[in-house]
PDB file of N, CA and C in Angstrom:
ATOM      1  N   UNK A   1     -72.529  59.237 107.816  1.00  0.00           N
ATOM      2  CA  UNK A   1     -72.447  57.900 107.352  1.00  0.00           C
ATOM      3  C   UNK A   1     -73.340  56.989 108.158  1.00  0.00           C
ATOM      4  N   UNK A   2     -73.765  56.006 107.434  1.00  0.00           N
ATOM      5  CA  UNK A   2     -74.638  55.063 108.092  1.00  0.00           C
ATOM      6  C   UNK A   2     -73.801  53.997 108.773  1.00  0.00           C
ATOM      7  N   UNK A   3     -74.245  53.611 109.883  1.00  0.00           N
ATOM      8  CA  UNK A   3     -73.557  52.554 110.612  1.00  0.00           C
ATOM      9  C   UNK A   3     -73.960  51.189 110.039  1.00  0.00           C
ATOM     10  N   UNK A   4     -72.939  50.357 109.806  1.00  0.00           N
ATOM     11  CA  UNK A   4     -73.220  49.031 109.281  1.00  0.00           C
ATOM     12  C   UNK A   4     -73.633  48.113 110.419  1.00  0.00           C
ATOM     13  N   UNK A   5     -74.599  47.361 110.128  1.00  0.00           N
ATOM     14  CA  UNK A   5     -75.047  46.415 111.136  1.00  0.00           C
ATOM     15  C   UNK A   5     -74.167  45.173 111.058  1.00  0.00           C
ATOM     16  N   UNK A   6     -73.703  44.766 112.191  1.00  0.00           N
ATOM     17  CA  UNK A   6     -72.880  43.565 112.256  1.00  0.00           C
ATOM     18  C   UNK A   6     -73.785  42.362 112.493  1.00  0.00           C
ATOM     19  N   UNK A   7     -73.491  41.322 111.703  1.00  0.00           N
ATOM     20  CA  UNK A   7     -74.245  40.090 111.876  1.00  0.00           C
ATOM     21  C   UNK A   7     -73.574  39.285 112.967  1.00  0.00           C
ATOM     22  N   UNK A   8     -74.349  38.657 113.795  1.00  0.00           N
ATOM     23  CA  UNK A   8     -73.735  37.821 114.833  1.00  0.00           C
ATOM     24  C   UNK A   8     -73.033  36.620 114.189  1.00  0.00           C
ATOM     25  N   UNK A   9     -71.908  36.256 114.732  1.00  0.00           N
ATOM     26  CA  UNK A   9     -71.146  35.122 114.235  1.00  0.00           C
ATOM     27  C   UNK A   9     -71.834  33.843 114.692  1.00  0.00           C
ATOM     28  N   UNK A  10     -72.075  32.988 113.717  1.00  0.00           N
ATOM     29  CA  UNK A  10     -72.756  31.737 114.039  1.00  0.00           C
ATOM     30  C   UNK A  10     -71.740  30.696 114.485  1.00  0.00           C
ATOM     31  N   UNK A  11     -72.098  29.999 115.505  1.00  0.00           N
ATOM     32  CA  UNK A  11     -71.244  28.908 115.964  1.00  0.00           C
ATOM     33  C   UNK A  11     -71.494  27.694 115.079  1.00  0.00           C
ATOM     34  N   UNK A  12     -70.441  26.910 114.806  1.00  0.00           N
ATOM     35  CA  UNK A  12     -70.649  25.725 113.963  1.00  0.00           C
ATOM     36  C   UNK A  12     -71.604  24.735 114.634  1.00  0.00           C
ATOM     37  N   UNK A  13     -72.434  24.169 113.829  1.00  0.00           N
ATOM     38  CA  UNK A  13     -73.402  23.200 114.336  1.00  0.00           C
ATOM     39  C   UNK A  13     -73.007  21.812 113.870  1.00  0.00           C
ATOM     40  N   UNK A  14     -73.728  20.836 114.341  1.00  0.00           N
ATOM     41  CA  UNK A  14     -73.471  19.460 113.942  1.00  0.00           C
ATOM     42  C   UNK A  14     -73.716  19.286 112.447  1.00  0.00           C
ATOM     43  N   UNK A  15     -74.698  19.996 111.892  1.00  0.00           N
ATOM     44  CA  UNK A  15     -75.020  19.873 110.471  1.00  0.00           C
ATOM     45  C   UNK A  15     -73.894  20.406 109.594  1.00  0.00           C
ATOM     46  N   UNK A  16     -73.177  21.441 110.023  1.00  0.00           N
ATOM     47  CA  UNK A  16     -72.107  22.006 109.207  1.00  0.00           C
ATOM     48  C   UNK A  16     -70.842  21.149 109.246  1.00  0.00           C
ATOM     49  N   UNK A  17     -70.744  20.236 110.198  1.00  0.00           N
ATOM     50  CA  UNK A  17     -69.571  19.367 110.313  1.00  0.00           C
ATOM     51  C   UNK A  17     -69.849  17.954 109.811  1.00  0.00           C
ATOM     52  N   UNK A  18     -70.768  17.815 108.856  1.00  0.00           N
ATOM     53  CA  UNK A  18     -71.180  16.489 108.406  1.00  0.00           C
ATOM     54  C   UNK A  18     -70.036  15.654 107.866  1.00  0.00           C
ATOM     55  N   UNK A  19     -69.164  16.192 107.012  1.00  0.00           N
ATOM     56  CA  UNK A  19     -68.121  15.411 106.388  1.00  0.00           C
ATOM     57  C   UNK A  19     -66.863  15.277 107.218  1.00  0.00           C
ATOM     58  N   UNK A  20     -66.844  15.795 108.421  1.00  0.00           N
ATOM     59  CA  UNK A  20     -65.618  15.842 109.212  1.00  0.00           C
ATOM     60  C   UNK A  20     -65.644  14.909 110.415  1.00  0.00           C
ATOM     61  N   UNK A  21     -66.443  13.857 110.367  1.00  0.00           N
ATOM     62  CA  UNK A  21     -66.523  12.961 111.524  1.00  0.00           C
ATOM     63  C   UNK A  21     -65.219  12.227 111.767  1.00  0.00           C
ATOM     64  N   UNK A  22     -64.476  11.915 110.712  1.00  0.00           N
ATOM     65  CA  UNK A  22     -63.261  11.113 110.855  1.00  0.00           C
ATOM     66  C   UNK A  22     -62.074  11.938 111.355  1.00  0.00           C
ATOM     67  N   UNK A  23     -62.191  13.251 111.355  1.00  0.00           N
ATOM     68  CA  UNK A  23     -61.078  14.101 111.787  1.00  0.00           C
ATOM     69  C   UNK A  23     -61.367  14.591 113.210  1.00  0.00           C
ATOM     70  N   UNK A  24     -60.547  14.195 114.182  1.00  0.00           N
ATOM     71  CA  UNK A  24     -60.763  14.693 115.539  1.00  0.00           C
ATOM     72  C   UNK A  24     -60.413  16.182 115.613  1.00  0.00           C
ATOM     73  N   UNK A  25     -61.120  16.892 116.473  1.00  0.00           N
ATOM     74  CA  UNK A  25     -60.921  18.343 116.574  1.00  0.00           C
ATOM     75  C   UNK A  25     -59.541  18.686 117.134  1.00  0.00           C
ATOM     76  N   UNK A  26     -58.996  17.877 118.005  1.00  0.00           N
ATOM     77  CA  UNK A  26     -57.715  18.181 118.614  1.00  0.00           C
ATOM     78  C   UNK A  26     -56.557  17.522 117.869  1.00  0.00           C
ATOM     79  N   UNK A  27     -56.751  17.265 116.572  1.00  0.00           N
ATOM     80  CA  UNK A  27     -55.724  16.625 115.768  1.00  0.00           C
ATOM     81  C   UNK A  27     -54.528  17.542 115.597  1.00  0.00           C
ATOM     82  N   UNK A  28     -53.310  16.966 115.775  1.00  0.00           N
ATOM     83  CA  UNK A  28     -52.091  17.753 115.634  1.00  0.00           C
ATOM     84  C   UNK A  28     -51.596  17.775 114.195  1.00  0.00           C
ATOM     85  N   UNK A  29     -52.161  16.949 113.326  1.00  0.00           N
ATOM     86  CA  UNK A  29     -51.746  16.915 111.937  1.00  0.00           C
ATOM     87  C   UNK A  29     -52.386  18.060 111.155  1.00  0.00           C
ATOM     88  N   UNK A  30     -51.588  18.711 110.359  1.00  0.00           N
ATOM     89  CA  UNK A  30     -52.161  19.730 109.501  1.00  0.00           C
ATOM     90  C   UNK A  30     -52.800  19.044 108.301  1.00  0.00           C
ATOM     91  N   UNK A  31     -53.506  19.776 107.525  1.00  0.00           N
ATOM     92  CA  UNK A  31     -54.171  19.210 106.362  1.00  0.00           C
ATOM     93  C   UNK A  31     -53.141  18.677 105.379  1.00  0.00           C
ATOM     94  N   UNK A  32     -52.038  19.386 105.210  1.00  0.00           N
ATOM     95  CA  UNK A  32     -51.000  18.956 104.275  1.00  0.00           C
ATOM     96  C   UNK A  32     -50.376  17.650 104.747  1.00  0.00           C
ATOM     97  N   UNK A  33     -50.083  17.542 106.032  1.00  0.00           N
ATOM     98  CA  UNK A  33     -49.489  16.323 106.563  1.00  0.00           C
ATOM     99  C   UNK A  33     -50.444  15.142 106.414  1.00  0.00           C
ATOM    100  N   UNK A  34     -51.712  15.405 106.644  1.00  0.00           N
ATOM    101  CA  UNK A  34     -52.708  14.345 106.500  1.00  0.00           C
ATOM    102  C   UNK A  34     -52.822  13.908 105.042  1.00  0.00           C
ATOM    103  N   UNK A  35     -52.782  14.859 104.114  1.00  0.00           N
ATOM    104  CA  UNK A  35     -52.847  14.534 102.692  1.00  0.00           C
ATOM    105  C   UNK A  35     -51.628  13.720 102.276  1.00  0.00           C
ATOM    106  N   UNK A  36     -50.452  14.055 102.793  1.00  0.00           N
ATOM    107  CA  UNK A  36     -49.239  13.302 102.473  1.00  0.00           C
ATOM    108  C   UNK A  36     -49.342  11.877 102.998  1.00  0.00           C
ATOM    109  N   UNK A  37     -49.904  11.740 104.190  1.00  0.00           N
ATOM    110  CA  UNK A  37     -50.069  10.422 104.784  1.00  0.00           C
ATOM    111  C   UNK A  37     -51.015   9.569 103.926  1.00  0.00           C
ATOM    112  N   UNK A  38     -52.105  10.148 103.488  1.00  0.00           N
ATOM    113  CA  UNK A  38     -53.068   9.442 102.649  1.00  0.00           C
ATOM    114  C   UNK A  38     -52.430   9.087 101.306  1.00  0.00           C
ATOM    115  N   UNK A  39     -51.645  10.015 100.741  1.00  0.00           N
ATOM    116  CA  UNK A  39     -50.962   9.765  99.476  1.00  0.00           C
ATOM    117  C   UNK A  39     -50.011   8.570  99.598  1.00  0.00           C
ATOM    118  N   UNK A  40     -49.264   8.522 100.689  1.00  0.00           N
ATOM    119  CA  UNK A  40     -48.329   7.420 100.905  1.00  0.00           C
ATOM    120  C   UNK A  40     -49.068   6.085 101.052  1.00  0.00           C
ATOM    121  N   UNK A  41     -50.205   6.113 101.729  1.00  0.00           N
ATOM    122  CA  UNK A  41     -51.003   4.898 101.875  1.00  0.00           C
ATOM    123  C   UNK A  41     -51.529   4.428 100.522  1.00  0.00           C
ATOM    124  N   UNK A  42     -51.961   5.361  99.694  1.00  0.00           N
ATOM    125  CA  UNK A  42     -52.479   5.018  98.368  1.00  0.00           C
ATOM    126  C   UNK A  42     -51.359   4.446  97.501  1.00  0.00           C
ATOM    127  N   UNK A  43     -50.184   5.054  97.561  1.00  0.00           N
ATOM    128  CA  UNK A  43     -49.047   4.547  96.790  1.00  0.00           C
ATOM    129  C   UNK A  43     -48.691   3.127  97.224  1.00  0.00           C
ATOM    130  N   UNK A  44     -48.667   2.889  98.517  1.00  0.00           N
ATOM    131  CA  UNK A  44     -48.341   1.560  99.026  1.00  0.00           C
ATOM    132  C   UNK A  44     -49.378   0.538  98.562  1.00  0.00           C
ATOM    133  N   UNK A  45     -50.645   0.900  98.604  1.00  0.00           N
ATOM    134  CA  UNK A  45     -51.714   0.004  98.167  1.00  0.00           C
ATOM    135  C   UNK A  45     -51.623  -0.258  96.668  1.00  0.00           C
ATOM    136  N   UNK A  46     -51.319   0.764  95.881  1.00  0.00           N
ATOM    137  CA  UNK A  46     -51.160   0.581  94.432  1.00  0.00           C
ATOM    138  C   UNK A  46     -49.995  -0.344  94.120  1.00  0.00           C
ATOM    139  N   UNK A  47     -48.892  -0.202  94.841  1.00  0.00           N
ATOM    140  CA  UNK A  47     -47.740  -1.088  94.644  1.00  0.00           C
ATOM    141  C   UNK A  47     -48.103  -2.532  94.969  1.00  0.00           C
ATOM    142  N   UNK A  48     -48.849  -2.717  96.043  1.00  0.00           N
ATOM    143  CA  UNK A  48     -49.270  -4.050  96.445  1.00  0.00           C
ATOM    144  C   UNK A  48     -50.193  -4.665  95.381  1.00  0.00           C
ATOM    145  N   UNK A  49     -51.125  -3.866  94.870  1.00  0.00           N
ATOM    146  CA  UNK A  49     -52.047  -4.354  93.844  1.00  0.00           C
ATOM    147  C   UNK A  49     -51.312  -4.673  92.552  1.00  0.00           C
ATOM    148  N   UNK A  50     -50.303  -3.884  92.215  1.00  0.00           N
ATOM    149  CA  UNK A  50     -49.511  -4.130  91.008  1.00  0.00           C
ATOM    150  C   UNK A  50     -48.751  -5.456  91.130  1.00  0.00           C
ATOM    151  N   UNK A  51     -48.214  -5.721  92.313  1.00  0.00           N
ATOM    152  CA  UNK A  51     -47.509  -6.977  92.551  1.00  0.00           C
ATOM    153  C   UNK A  51     -48.462  -8.156  92.417  1.00  0.00           C
ATOM    154  N   UNK A  52     -49.644  -8.038  92.979  1.00  0.00           N
ATOM    155  CA  UNK A  52     -50.641  -9.101  92.893  1.00  0.00           C
ATOM    156  C   UNK A  52     -51.045  -9.324  91.438  1.00  0.00           C
ATOM    157  N   UNK A  53     -51.221  -8.248  90.671  1.00  0.00           N
ATOM    158  CA  UNK A  53     -51.599  -8.370  89.269  1.00  0.00           C
ATOM    159  C   UNK A  53     -50.517  -9.095  88.466  1.00  0.00           C
ATOM    160  N   UNK A  54     -49.247  -8.757  88.705  1.00  0.00           N
ATOM    161  CA  UNK A  54     -48.155  -9.429  88.004  1.00  0.00           C
ATOM    162  C   UNK A  54     -48.119 -10.916  88.348  1.00  0.00           C
ATOM    163  N   UNK A  55     -48.335 -11.251  89.619  1.00  0.00           N
ATOM    164  CA  UNK A  55     -48.357 -12.657  90.036  1.00  0.00           C
ATOM    165  C   UNK A  55     -49.500 -13.410  89.356  1.00  0.00           C
ATOM    166  N   UNK A  56     -50.680 -12.766  89.266  1.00  0.00           N
ATOM    167  CA  UNK A  56     -51.823 -13.405  88.626  1.00  0.00           C
ATOM    168  C   UNK A  56     -51.569 -13.602  87.132  1.00  0.00           C
ATOM    169  N   UNK A  57     -50.933 -12.624  86.482  1.00  0.00           N
ATOM    170  CA  UNK A  57     -50.630 -12.765  85.057  1.00  0.00           C
ATOM    171  C   UNK A  57     -49.638 -13.900  84.827  1.00  0.00           C
ATOM    172  N   UNK A  58     -48.643 -14.004  85.689  1.00  0.00           N
ATOM    173  CA  UNK A  58     -47.654 -15.076  85.560  1.00  0.00           C
ATOM    174  C   UNK A  58     -48.328 -16.442  85.760  1.00  0.00           C
ATOM    175  N   UNK A  59     -49.195 -16.549  86.764  1.00  0.00           N
ATOM    176  CA  UNK A  59     -49.914 -17.792  87.029  1.00  0.00           C
ATOM    177  C   UNK A  59     -50.807 -18.166  85.851  1.00  0.00           C
ATOM    178  N   UNK A  60     -51.495 -17.191  85.285  1.00  0.00           N
ATOM    179  CA  UNK A  60     -52.378 -17.443  84.150  1.00  0.00           C
ATOM    180  C   UNK A  60     -51.572 -17.944  82.940  1.00  0.00           C
ATOM    181  N   UNK A  61     -50.404 -17.318  82.694  1.00  0.00           N
ATOM    182  CA  UNK A  61     -49.558 -17.749  81.578  1.00  0.00           C
ATOM    183  C   UNK A  61     -49.081 -19.183  81.785  1.00  0.00           C
ATOM    184  N   UNK A  62     -48.709 -19.528  83.005  1.00  0.00           N
ATOM    185  CA  UNK A  62     -48.261 -20.892  83.293  1.00  0.00           C
ATOM    186  C   UNK A  62     -49.400 -21.895  83.121  1.00  0.00           C
ATOM    187  N   UNK A  63     -50.606 -21.501  83.509  1.00  0.00           N
ATOM    188  CA  UNK A  63     -51.757 -22.387  83.338  1.00  0.00           C
ATOM    189  C   UNK A  63     -52.040 -22.621  81.859  1.00  0.00           C
ATOM    190  N   UNK A  64     -51.943 -21.552  81.051  1.00  0.00           N
ATOM    191  CA  UNK A  64     -52.195 -21.703  79.622  1.00  0.00           C
ATOM    192  C   UNK A  64     -51.148 -22.597  78.967  1.00  0.00           C
ATOM    193  N   UNK A  65     -49.894 -22.426  79.371  1.00  0.00           N
ATOM    194  CA  UNK A  65     -48.838 -23.246  78.796  1.00  0.00           C
ATOM    195  C   UNK A  65     -48.953 -24.705  79.233  1.00  0.00           C
ATOM    196  N   UNK A  66     -49.446 -24.923  80.440  1.00  0.00           N
ATOM    197  CA  UNK A  66     -49.573 -26.283  80.955  1.00  0.00           C
ATOM    198  C   UNK A  66     -50.846 -26.974  80.454  1.00  0.00           C
ATOM    199  N   UNK A  67     -51.719 -26.199  79.831  1.00  0.00           N
ATOM    200  CA  UNK A  67     -52.956 -26.788  79.323  1.00  0.00           C
ATOM    201  C   UNK A  67     -54.043 -26.887  80.370  1.00  0.00           C
ATOM    202  N   UNK A  68     -53.852 -26.242  81.495  1.00  0.00           N
ATOM    203  CA  UNK A  68     -54.873 -26.295  82.543  1.00  0.00           C
ATOM    204  C   UNK A  68     -55.585 -24.961  82.694  1.00  0.00           C
ATOM    205  N   UNK A  69     -55.365 -24.054  81.753  1.00  0.00           N
ATOM    206  CA  UNK A  69     -55.908 -22.706  81.886  1.00  0.00           C
ATOM    207  C   UNK A  69     -57.367 -22.590  81.540  1.00  0.00           C
ATOM    208  N   UNK A  70     -57.888 -23.470  80.693  1.00  0.00           N
ATOM    209  CA  UNK A  70     -59.278 -23.391  80.302  1.00  0.00           C
ATOM    210  C   UNK A  70     -60.177 -24.108  81.286  1.00  0.00           C
ATOM    211  N   UNK A  71     -61.396 -24.277  80.869  1.00  0.00           N
ATOM    212  CA  UNK A  71     -62.333 -25.022  81.694  1.00  0.00           C
ATOM    213  C   UNK A  71     -62.012 -26.505  81.654  1.00  0.00           C
ATOM    214  N   UNK A  72     -62.670 -27.240  82.485  1.00  0.00           N
ATOM    215  CA  UNK A  72     -62.439 -28.679  82.542  1.00  0.00           C
ATOM    216  C   UNK A  72     -62.961 -29.321  81.260  1.00  0.00           C
ATOM    217  N   UNK A  73     -62.092 -30.026  80.575  1.00  0.00           N
ATOM    218  CA  UNK A  73     -62.472 -30.685  79.327  1.00  0.00           C
ATOM    219  C   UNK A  73     -62.419 -32.191  79.573  1.00  0.00           C
ATOM    220  N   UNK A  74     -63.572 -32.803  79.502  1.00  0.00           N
ATOM    221  CA  UNK A  74     -63.646 -34.250  79.718  1.00  0.00           C
ATOM    222  C   UNK A  74     -63.268 -34.950  78.419  1.00  0.00           C
ATOM    223  N   UNK A  75     -62.470 -35.990  78.478  1.00  0.00           N
ATOM    224  CA  UNK A  75     -62.117 -36.713  77.252  1.00  0.00           C
ATOM    225  C   UNK A  75     -63.341 -37.407  76.676  1.00  0.00           C
ATOM    226  N   UNK A  76     -63.372 -37.460  75.351  1.00  0.00           N
ATOM    227  CA  UNK A  76     -64.492 -38.112  74.671  1.00  0.00           C
ATOM    228  C   UNK A  76     -64.202 -39.601  74.595  1.00  0.00           C
ATOM    229  N   UNK A  77     -65.058 -40.386  75.185  1.00  0.00           N
ATOM    230  CA  UNK A  77     -64.871 -41.832  75.177  1.00  0.00           C
ATOM    231  C   UNK A  77     -65.443 -42.400  73.879  1.00  0.00           C
ATOM    232  N   UNK A  78     -64.735 -43.335  73.262  1.00  0.00           N
ATOM    233  CA  UNK A  78     -65.253 -43.915  72.020  1.00  0.00           C
ATOM    234  C   UNK A  78     -66.514 -44.737  72.290  1.00  0.00           C
ATOM    235  N   UNK A  79     -67.368 -44.758  71.283  1.00  0.00           N
ATOM    236  CA  UNK A  79     -68.611 -45.505  71.432  1.00  0.00           C
ATOM    237  C   UNK A  79     -68.295 -47.005  71.391  1.00  0.00           C
ATOM    238  N   UNK A  80     -68.797 -47.727  72.348  1.00  0.00           N
ATOM    239  CA  UNK A  80     -68.589 -49.174  72.423  1.00  0.00           C
ATOM    240  C   UNK A  80     -69.761 -49.844  71.724  1.00  0.00           C
ATOM    241  N   UNK A  81     -69.443 -50.603  70.676  1.00  0.00           N
ATOM    242  CA  UNK A  81     -70.488 -51.291  69.922  1.00  0.00           C
ATOM    243  C   UNK A  81     -70.756 -52.664  70.529  1.00  0.00           C
ATOM    244  N   UNK A  82     -72.013 -53.033  70.490  1.00  0.00           N
ATOM    245  CA  UNK A  82     -72.344 -54.394  70.934  1.00  0.00           C
ATOM    246  C   UNK A  82     -71.894 -55.364  69.834  1.00  0.00           C
ATOM    247  N   UNK A  83     -71.957 -56.646  70.111  1.00  0.00           N
ATOM    248  CA  UNK A  83     -71.517 -57.659  69.142  1.00  0.00           C
ATOM    249  C   UNK A  83     -72.312 -57.581  67.839  1.00  0.00           C
ATOM    250  N   UNK A  84     -73.621 -57.450  67.953  1.00  0.00           N
ATOM    251  CA  UNK A  84     -74.452 -57.394  66.745  1.00  0.00           C
ATOM    252  C   UNK A  84     -74.199 -56.101  65.974  1.00  0.00           C
ATOM    253  N   UNK A  85     -74.044 -54.989  66.677  1.00  0.00           N
ATOM    254  CA  UNK A  85     -73.755 -53.722  66.009  1.00  0.00           C
ATOM    255  C   UNK A  85     -72.402 -53.782  65.301  1.00  0.00           C
ATOM    256  N   UNK A  86     -71.416 -54.406  65.929  1.00  0.00           N
ATOM    257  CA  UNK A  86     -70.082 -54.529  65.349  1.00  0.00           C
ATOM    258  C   UNK A  86     -70.126 -55.403  64.090  1.00  0.00           C
ATOM    259  N   UNK A  87     -70.878 -56.493  64.140  1.00  0.00           N
ATOM    260  CA  UNK A  87     -70.997 -57.390  62.981  1.00  0.00           C
ATOM    261  C   UNK A  87     -71.683 -56.676  61.825  1.00  0.00           C
ATOM    262  N   UNK A  88     -72.746 -55.916  62.123  1.00  0.00           N
ATOM    263  CA  UNK A  88     -73.451 -55.177  61.079  1.00  0.00           C
ATOM    264  C   UNK A  88     -72.555 -54.100  60.468  1.00  0.00           C
ATOM    265  N   UNK A  89     -71.776 -53.384  61.318  1.00  0.00           N
ATOM    266  CA  UNK A  89     -70.866 -52.349  60.820  1.00  0.00           C
ATOM    267  C   UNK A  89     -69.772 -52.969  59.963  1.00  0.00           C
ATOM    268  N   UNK A  90     -69.329 -54.178  60.292  1.00  0.00           N
ATOM    269  CA  UNK A  90     -68.297 -54.868  59.515  1.00  0.00           C
ATOM    270  C   UNK A  90     -68.861 -55.292  58.148  1.00  0.00           C
ATOM    271  N   UNK A  91     -70.108 -55.722  58.110  1.00  0.00           N
ATOM    272  CA  UNK A  91     -70.745 -56.092  56.852  1.00  0.00           C
ATOM    273  C   UNK A  91     -70.912 -54.877  55.936  1.00  0.00           C
ATOM    274  N   UNK A  92     -71.195 -53.716  56.521  1.00  0.00           N
ATOM    275  CA  UNK A  92     -71.349 -52.500  55.734  1.00  0.00           C
ATOM    276  C   UNK A  92     -69.992 -51.927  55.323  1.00  0.00           C
ATOM    277  N   UNK A  93     -68.893 -52.382  55.925  1.00  0.00           N
ATOM    278  CA  UNK A  93     -67.566 -51.893  55.601  1.00  0.00           C
ATOM    279  C   UNK A  93     -67.150 -50.676  56.423  1.00  0.00           C
ATOM    280  N   UNK A  94     -67.898 -50.356  57.460  1.00  0.00           N
ATOM    281  CA  UNK A  94     -67.595 -49.201  58.313  1.00  0.00           C
ATOM    282  C   UNK A  94     -66.486 -49.520  59.309  1.00  0.00           C
ATOM    283  N   UNK A  95     -66.311 -50.767  59.654  1.00  0.00           N
ATOM    284  CA  UNK A  95     -65.315 -51.173  60.637  1.00  0.00           C
ATOM    285  C   UNK A  95     -64.407 -52.191  59.972  1.00  0.00           C
ATOM    286  N   UNK A  96     -63.101 -52.028  60.140  1.00  0.00           N
ATOM    287  CA  UNK A  96     -62.122 -52.969  59.633  1.00  0.00           C
ATOM    288  C   UNK A  96     -61.288 -53.464  60.808  1.00  0.00           C
ATOM    289  N   UNK A  97     -61.489 -54.697  61.243  1.00  0.00           N
ATOM    290  CA  UNK A  97     -60.793 -55.173  62.431  1.00  0.00           C
ATOM    291  C   UNK A  97     -59.284 -55.226  62.252  1.00  0.00           C
ATOM    292  N   UNK A  98     -58.832 -55.487  61.030  1.00  0.00           N
ATOM    293  CA  UNK A  98     -57.381 -55.529  60.817  1.00  0.00           C
ATOM    294  C   UNK A  98     -56.784 -54.127  60.915  1.00  0.00           C
ATOM    295  N   UNK A  99     -57.486 -53.141  60.373  1.00  0.00           N
ATOM    296  CA  UNK A  99     -56.981 -51.766  60.425  1.00  0.00           C
ATOM    297  C   UNK A  99     -57.035 -51.232  61.855  1.00  0.00           C
ATOM    298  N   UNK A 100     -58.074 -51.583  62.586  1.00  0.00           N
ATOM    299  CA  UNK A 100     -58.202 -51.143  63.985  1.00  0.00           C
ATOM    300  C   UNK A 100     -57.062 -51.681  64.837  1.00  0.00           C
ATOM    301  N   UNK A 101     -56.570 -52.880  64.482  1.00  0.00           N
ATOM    302  CA  UNK A 101     -55.466 -53.477  65.247  1.00  0.00           C
ATOM    303  C   UNK A 101     -54.099 -53.075  64.694  1.00  0.00           C
ATOM    304  N   UNK A 102     -54.087 -52.320  63.615  1.00  0.00           N
ATOM    305  CA  UNK A 102     -52.837 -51.863  63.063  1.00  0.00           C
ATOM    306  C   UNK A 102     -52.167 -52.859  62.150  1.00  0.00           C
ATOM    307  N   UNK A 103     -52.873 -53.882  61.705  1.00  0.00           N
ATOM    308  CA  UNK A 103     -52.318 -54.913  60.842  1.00  0.00           C
ATOM    309  C   UNK A 103     -52.442 -54.500  59.368  1.00  0.00           C
ATOM    310  N   UNK A 104     -53.511 -53.917  58.980  1.00  0.00           N
ATOM    311  CA  UNK A 104     -53.801 -53.625  57.586  1.00  0.00           C
ATOM    312  C   UNK A 104     -53.403 -52.240  57.223  1.00  0.00           C
TER     313      UNK A 104
END
């Protein structure tokens, strides 16, 4: 039989540990424990985000009901006619001073 040649075992290099910078080598946590810890953190963050979303939805609904939910709407001011413009509009029948005052 032929003897098999054994390949020398390569020691890990810095390049092979590229994605493992955040994990210390002397860590006492197993991979499963670390995954559970990360899962719990994600659940807590999701719960917090869900609470914030519900608060924002409630605030938005209150703004819509109060009429402050849209953009700023400036009131339209009526056009102020000068004396001559008012007299001309009255001659044309466009303006009725009695109706404007609620008399007619």
